[in-house]
Amino acid sequence: HKTIVFGAPRKMDMKSMRQPLIEIGHKLQQAMQRVAPEEQHKKEKLEKQQISQNIVRRIEEETKLIRQRKDEIERRKEESERRKDIEEQKAIAAQRKQEMLEAAAERERQEKERIQRHREREEQLKKEAELLKNKEMLEEMKKQADMTKTSNLKIEGKKLIDIDIDDMAGFDPNKIIAAREAQRQRERQEKIRLRKLESKRVDHLARALREEEQEYLEEWADDIVAEDESYVEKAQDKEIEEQRVKHDEGLEERATLISYKAPTDVWAEGLLEARRAAHKEAEREREKRCLQKAIDLKIQRARQRAKEAAA
């Protein structure tokens, strides 16, 4: 058997010594009851009297302490719920703000895409129009080249007669315009040269014929001017009459359609009113769902706290 030496300098393992010490205490208490039972009885009676005297005060103190703890628990619970509500409101506000920002960003993105598509469409139309213009210019230049025998004209090292519409897309528009101006300059110079040659071949008979024709030409010019003025006056009168008829038709059409304006406005307002009512109803349903969700979350947290407190 091992012995216990009280006051020994070496350390003891209290975990292994707990049960033996408890047994020694019980045995000492039993020995005291056998040796001095009256003293033990008197001591127990005195302790009971002190307990009975202090029990009311202790009950009041315990009750007061329990109430204080309960009030503190309720206060902390209300404070926690209030903080949760504030956090939920902040979260809802932040979510709405985020949704608004995302919607604004989406509208801006769609607007940019629309502008980009519009710009690309305009550029495409511009390229197509320029290609069509270059095609017409090429055909005209080829016709003029056949007429004036200037087919040796070149654009970026390629002869005019060898150029087709597919080659126009790779040419510089400025060079095409420059080639067109060069062709026109050649045509002008050719006309000047031909006129000079013709003027050299004019003889006296031709000059006499022109002098005789001059008087008739002046009369013919006067007749043409008179006919042109008469034609212009008739055309103007006809145009004025057509405009007057169109104006009268427009007035009749306006008078016919004006009677449908009020019913059309009422019908459109009815459609808008129905859409407004549906929109307001959808807003109320959304707010109701958000409120119900907040209530459910609050109840769920209260139940969770109750479970944790019970555990």
Protein backbone atom coordinates (compact mmCIF):
# COMPACT_ATOMS: atom_id res chain seq x y z
CA HIS A 1 0.00 0.00 0.00
CA LYS A 2 1.10 3.56 -0.76
CA THR A 3 1.16 6.22 1.95
CA ILE A 4 0.26 9.90 1.75
CA VAL A 5 2.70 12.22 3.48
CA PHE A 6 1.17 15.68 4.03
CA GLY A 7 3.69 18.55 3.73
CA ALA A 8 6.10 16.46 1.66
CA PRO A 9 8.33 18.58 -0.66
CA ARG A 10 7.79 16.37 -3.71
CA LYS A 11 4.76 16.90 -5.97
CA MET A 12 1.79 14.58 -5.91
CA ASP A 13 -0.50 13.49 -8.72
CA MET A 14 -3.75 15.08 -7.56
CA LYS A 15 -5.88 13.30 -10.14
CA SER A 16 -4.88 9.88 -8.85
CA MET A 17 -5.10 11.04 -5.20
CA ARG A 18 -8.61 12.52 -5.46
CA GLN A 19 -10.58 9.35 -4.71
CA PRO A 20 -8.40 8.21 -1.77
CA LEU A 21 -8.69 11.67 -0.18
CA ILE A 22 -12.48 11.59 -0.52
CA GLU A 23 -12.59 8.18 1.14
CA ILE A 24 -10.36 9.45 3.99
CA GLY A 25 -12.69 12.42 4.49
CA HIS A 26 -15.74 10.16 4.72
CA LYS A 27 -14.00 7.88 7.19
CA LEU A 28 -12.90 10.86 9.33
CA GLN A 29 -16.46 12.18 9.36
CA GLN A 30 -17.81 8.77 10.46
CA ALA A 31 -15.16 8.62 13.21
CA MET A 32 -16.15 12.09 14.45
CA GLN A 33 -19.81 11.03 14.60
CA ARG A 34 -18.86 7.99 16.70
CA VAL A 35 -16.52 9.89 19.00
CA ALA A 36 -18.67 13.03 19.59
CA PRO A 37 -22.16 12.49 18.19
CA GLU A 38 -23.72 15.28 20.30
CA GLU A 39 -21.21 17.83 19.13
CA GLN A 40 -21.82 16.85 15.52
CA HIS A 41 -25.59 16.99 16.04
CA LYS A 42 -25.33 20.42 17.64
CA LYS A 43 -23.18 21.67 14.78
CA GLU A 44 -25.64 20.42 12.18
CA LYS A 45 -28.55 22.02 14.06
CA LEU A 46 -26.71 25.33 14.23
CA GLU A 47 -26.00 25.18 10.51
CA LYS A 48 -29.68 24.48 9.76
CA GLN A 49 -30.74 27.45 11.89
CA GLN A 50 -28.34 29.73 10.04
CA ILE A 51 -29.60 28.39 6.74
CA SER A 52 -33.25 28.91 7.74
CA GLN A 53 -32.48 32.47 8.88
CA ASN A 54 -30.65 33.38 5.67
CA ILE A 55 -32.87 31.50 3.24
CA VAL A 56 -35.40 34.36 2.72
CA ARG A 57 -32.67 36.88 2.07
CA ARG A 58 -30.88 34.48 -0.24
CA ILE A 59 -34.10 33.75 -2.11
CA GLU A 60 -34.72 37.47 -2.61
CA GLU A 61 -31.14 38.00 -3.74
CA GLU A 62 -31.31 35.03 -6.07
CA THR A 63 -34.66 36.20 -7.43
CA LYS A 64 -33.32 39.70 -7.95
CA LEU A 65 -30.20 38.31 -9.61
CA ILE A 66 -32.31 36.06 -11.86
CA ARG A 67 -34.49 39.02 -12.87
CA GLN A 68 -31.43 41.11 -13.60
CA ARG A 69 -29.98 38.32 -15.72
CA LYS A 70 -33.32 37.87 -17.50
CA ASP A 71 -33.59 41.62 -18.18
CA GLU A 72 -30.02 41.68 -19.42
CA ILE A 73 -30.71 38.71 -21.67
CA GLU A 74 -33.85 40.38 -23.05
CA ARG A 75 -32.02 43.64 -23.55
CA ARG A 76 -29.18 41.90 -25.38
CA LYS A 77 -31.70 39.97 -27.46
CA GLU A 78 -33.56 43.16 -28.45
CA GLU A 79 -30.28 44.90 -29.19
CA SER A 80 -29.17 41.97 -31.34
CA GLU A 81 -32.49 41.90 -33.19
CA ARG A 82 -32.32 45.65 -33.72
CA ARG A 83 -28.81 45.34 -35.14
CA LYS A 84 -29.95 42.49 -37.36
CA ASP A 85 -32.86 44.58 -38.65
CA ILE A 86 -30.55 47.50 -39.38
CA GLU A 87 -28.10 45.20 -41.16
CA GLU A 88 -30.92 43.64 -43.18
CA GLN A 89 -32.21 47.07 -44.19
CA LYS A 90 -28.71 48.12 -45.18
CA ALA A 91 -28.28 44.88 -47.13
CA ILE A 92 -31.61 45.41 -48.94
CA ALA A 93 -30.71 49.03 -49.71
CA ALA A 94 -27.28 47.97 -50.96
CA GLN A 95 -28.85 45.26 -53.11
CA ARG A 96 -31.31 47.73 -54.62
CA LYS A 97 -28.50 50.18 -55.28
CA GLN A 98 -26.44 47.43 -56.87
CA GLU A 99 -29.39 46.41 -59.05
CA MET A 100 -29.88 50.02 -60.12
CA LEU A 101 -26.18 50.36 -60.94
CA GLU A 102 -26.22 47.12 -62.90
CA ALA A 103 -29.36 48.22 -64.78
CA ALA A 104 -27.75 51.58 -65.58
CA ALA A 105 -24.56 49.84 -66.71
CA GLU A 106 -26.60 47.46 -68.87
CA ARG A 107 -28.49 50.38 -70.46
CA GLU A 108 -25.21 52.17 -71.10
CA ARG A 109 -23.72 49.02 -72.64
CA GLN A 110 -26.74 48.53 -74.89
CA GLU A 111 -26.61 52.20 -75.92
CA LYS A 112 -22.91 51.89 -76.77
CA GLU A 113 -23.60 48.74 -78.77
CA ARG A 114 -26.45 50.47 -80.59
CA ILE A 115 -24.22 53.45 -81.40
CA GLN A 116 -21.45 51.11 -82.52
CA ARG A 117 -23.84 49.15 -84.75
CA HIS A 118 -25.20 52.39 -86.18
CA ARG A 119 -21.66 53.66 -86.85
CA GLU A 120 -20.65 50.36 -88.49
CA ARG A 121 -23.83 50.38 -90.60
CA GLU A 122 -23.13 53.95 -91.72
CA GLU A 123 -19.54 53.06 -92.56
CA GLN A 124 -20.74 50.04 -94.52
CA LEU A 125 -23.29 52.15 -96.41
CA LYS A 126 -20.62 54.76 -97.05
CA LYS A 127 -18.25 52.10 -98.43
CA GLU A 128 -20.99 50.66 -100.62
CA ALA A 129 -21.93 54.12 -101.90
CA GLU A 130 -18.27 54.91 -102.59
CA LEU A 131 -17.83 51.59 -104.37
CA LEU A 132 -20.92 52.25 -106.50
CA LYS A 133 -19.67 55.75 -107.28
CA ASN A 134 -16.25 54.38 -108.27
CA LYS A 135 -17.94 51.76 -110.43
CA GLU A 136 -19.94 54.40 -112.28
CA MET A 137 -16.83 56.55 -112.60
CA LEU A 138 -14.87 53.58 -114.01
CA GLU A 139 -17.56 52.82 -116.59
CA GLU A 140 -17.71 56.47 -117.59
CA MET A 141 -13.92 56.66 -117.84
CA LYS A 142 -13.86 53.53 -120.03
CA LYS A 143 -16.52 54.98 -122.32
CA GLN A 144 -14.63 58.24 -122.62
CA ALA A 145 -11.41 56.33 -123.23
CA ASP A 146 -13.07 54.40 -126.11
CA MET A 147 -14.41 57.63 -127.57
CA THR A 148 -11.22 59.65 -127.23
CA LYS A 149 -8.76 56.78 -127.72
CA THR A 150 -7.06 57.35 -124.36
CA SER A 151 -7.20 53.74 -123.18
CA ASN A 152 -3.52 53.83 -122.20
CA LEU A 153 -4.41 55.77 -119.05
CA LYS A 154 -3.15 53.94 -115.92
CA ILE A 155 -4.25 53.85 -112.27
CA GLU A 156 -1.61 52.56 -109.85
CA GLY A 157 0.31 50.94 -112.69
CA LYS A 158 -2.70 49.17 -114.26
CA LYS A 159 -4.27 50.16 -117.60
CA LEU A 160 -7.79 51.51 -117.52
CA ILE A 161 -9.18 48.85 -119.86
CA ASP A 162 -7.76 46.06 -117.66
CA ILE A 163 -9.40 47.35 -114.44
CA ASP A 164 -12.63 45.69 -113.27
CA ILE A 165 -14.97 46.42 -110.35
CA ASP A 166 -13.17 44.01 -108.01
CA ASP A 167 -9.95 46.01 -108.41
CA MET A 168 -11.65 49.26 -107.38
CA ALA A 169 -11.86 48.17 -103.73
CA GLY A 170 -8.06 48.08 -103.44
CA PHE A 171 -7.40 51.42 -105.16
CA ASP A 172 -6.87 54.71 -103.41
CA PRO A 173 -9.95 56.94 -104.05
CA ASN A 174 -7.72 60.00 -104.41
CA LYS A 175 -5.75 58.32 -107.20
CA ILE A 176 -8.98 57.39 -109.00
CA ILE A 177 -10.15 61.01 -108.81
CA ALA A 178 -6.73 62.19 -110.01
CA ALA A 179 -6.91 59.79 -112.97
CA ARG A 180 -10.40 61.09 -113.78
CA GLU A 181 -9.14 64.68 -113.75
CA ALA A 182 -6.20 63.71 -115.95
CA GLN A 183 -8.60 62.10 -118.44
CA ARG A 184 -10.78 65.20 -118.48
CA GLN A 185 -7.72 67.38 -119.03
CA ARG A 186 -6.70 65.22 -121.99
CA GLU A 187 -10.22 65.43 -123.43
CA ARG A 188 -10.19 69.21 -123.05
CA GLN A 189 -6.83 69.51 -124.73
CA GLU A 190 -8.00 67.21 -127.54
CA LYS A 191 -11.11 69.33 -128.11
CA ILE A 192 -9.00 72.50 -128.20
CA ARG A 193 -6.67 70.90 -130.73
CA LEU A 194 -9.56 69.76 -132.94
CA ARG A 195 -11.16 73.20 -132.82
CA LYS A 196 -7.92 74.85 -133.81
CA LEU A 197 -7.60 72.48 -136.79
CA GLU A 198 -11.21 73.13 -137.74
CA SER A 199 -10.73 76.87 -137.58
CA LYS A 200 -7.80 76.60 -139.95
CA ARG A 201 -9.92 74.72 -142.50
CA VAL A 202 -12.72 77.31 -142.56
CA ASP A 203 -13.01 78.96 -145.99
CA HIS A 204 -14.82 82.04 -147.25
CA LEU A 205 -17.94 80.10 -148.30
CA ALA A 206 -18.45 78.72 -144.86
CA ARG A 207 -17.97 82.18 -143.43
CA ALA A 208 -20.57 83.62 -145.83
CA LEU A 209 -23.03 80.87 -144.98
CA ARG A 210 -22.60 81.58 -141.26
CA GLU A 211 -23.16 85.30 -141.86
CA GLU A 212 -26.41 84.56 -143.74
CA GLU A 213 -27.55 82.14 -141.07
CA GLN A 214 -26.86 84.59 -138.25
CA GLU A 215 -30.14 86.52 -138.78
CA TYR A 216 -32.23 83.34 -138.90
CA LEU A 217 -30.43 82.00 -135.87
CA GLU A 218 -31.34 85.11 -133.88
CA GLU A 219 -35.02 84.73 -134.87
CA TRP A 220 -34.91 81.06 -134.01
CA ALA A 221 -33.35 81.89 -130.63
CA ASP A 222 -36.13 84.42 -129.92
CA ASP A 223 -38.77 81.80 -130.82
CA ILE A 224 -37.12 79.25 -128.56
CA VAL A 225 -37.00 81.73 -125.67
CA ALA A 226 -40.71 82.52 -126.12
CA GLU A 227 -41.60 78.81 -126.23
CA ASP A 228 -39.51 78.13 -123.13
CA GLU A 229 -41.18 80.97 -121.22
CA SER A 230 -44.62 79.73 -122.22
CA TYR A 231 -43.73 76.19 -121.19
CA VAL A 232 -42.38 77.37 -117.84
CA GLU A 233 -45.55 79.38 -117.15
CA LYS A 234 -47.74 76.39 -117.96
CA ALA A 235 -45.60 74.12 -115.81
CA GLN A 236 -45.80 76.59 -112.91
CA ASP A 237 -49.57 76.88 -113.24
CA LYS A 238 -49.88 73.11 -113.35
CA GLU A 239 -47.66 72.70 -110.29
CA ILE A 240 -49.66 75.33 -108.36
CA GLU A 241 -52.91 73.53 -109.24
CA GLU A 242 -51.49 70.17 -108.16
CA GLN A 243 -50.30 71.65 -104.86
CA ARG A 244 -53.72 73.21 -104.26
CA VAL A 245 -55.43 69.84 -104.93
CA LYS A 246 -53.03 68.07 -102.57
CA HIS A 247 -53.66 70.73 -99.93
CA ASP A 248 -57.43 70.29 -100.24
CA GLU A 249 -57.05 66.50 -100.02
CA GLY A 250 -54.91 66.91 -96.91
CA LEU A 251 -57.54 69.14 -95.30
CA GLU A 252 -60.27 66.61 -96.10
CA GLU A 253 -58.20 63.75 -94.68
CA ARG A 254 -57.47 65.79 -91.54
CA ALA A 255 -61.17 66.58 -91.10
CA THR A 256 -61.97 62.86 -91.53
CA LEU A 257 -59.39 61.64 -89.02
CA ILE A 258 -59.87 64.36 -86.39
CA SER A 259 -63.05 62.62 -85.16
CA TYR A 260 -60.98 59.53 -84.25
CA LYS A 261 -58.47 61.47 -82.18
CA ALA A 262 -60.44 61.58 -78.90
CA PRO A 263 -61.38 57.83 -78.88
CA THR A 264 -57.78 56.96 -79.79
CA ASP A 265 -56.45 59.07 -76.92
CA VAL A 266 -58.96 57.46 -74.51
CA TRP A 267 -57.98 53.98 -75.73
CA ALA A 268 -54.25 54.72 -75.33
CA GLU A 269 -54.83 56.19 -71.86
CA GLY A 270 -56.77 53.04 -70.88
CA LEU A 271 -53.86 50.86 -71.95
CA LEU A 272 -51.43 53.02 -70.02
CA GLU A 273 -53.67 52.99 -66.93
CA ALA A 274 -53.86 49.17 -67.01
CA ARG A 275 -50.08 48.97 -67.32
CA ARG A 276 -49.63 51.41 -64.44
CA ALA A 277 -51.96 49.35 -62.24
CA ALA A 278 -50.12 46.13 -63.12
CA HIS A 279 -46.79 47.81 -62.36
CA LYS A 280 -48.01 49.07 -58.97
CA GLU A 281 -49.43 45.64 -58.13
CA ALA A 282 -46.09 44.03 -59.03
CA GLU A 283 -44.28 46.52 -56.79
CA ARG A 284 -46.62 45.73 -53.87
CA GLU A 285 -46.12 41.99 -54.37
CA ARG A 286 -42.35 42.43 -54.41
CA GLU A 287 -42.39 44.51 -51.20
CA LYS A 288 -44.67 41.94 -49.55
CA ARG A 289 -42.29 39.12 -50.51
CA CYS A 290 -39.29 41.04 -49.16
CA LEU A 291 -41.11 41.77 -45.89
CA GLN A 292 -42.23 38.14 -45.51
CA LYS A 293 -38.71 36.95 -46.19
CA ALA A 294 -37.32 39.32 -43.53
CA ILE A 295 -39.93 38.05 -41.01
CA ASP A 296 -39.12 34.41 -41.82
CA LEU A 297 -35.40 35.07 -41.38
CA LYS A 298 -36.05 36.83 -38.06
CA ILE A 299 -38.18 33.90 -36.78
CA GLN A 300 -35.55 31.44 -37.96
CA ARG A 301 -32.80 33.30 -36.08
CA ALA A 302 -34.98 33.47 -32.92
CA ARG A 303 -35.58 29.71 -33.07
CA GLN A 304 -31.89 29.10 -33.63
CA ARG A 305 -31.00 31.24 -30.61
CA ALA A 306 -33.64 29.42 -28.53
CA LYS A 307 -32.13 26.05 -29.53
CA GLU A 308 -28.64 27.28 -28.68
CA ALA A 309 -29.86 28.62 -25.29
CA ALA A 310 -31.64 25.31 -24.54
CA ALA A 311 -28.50 23.34 -25.47
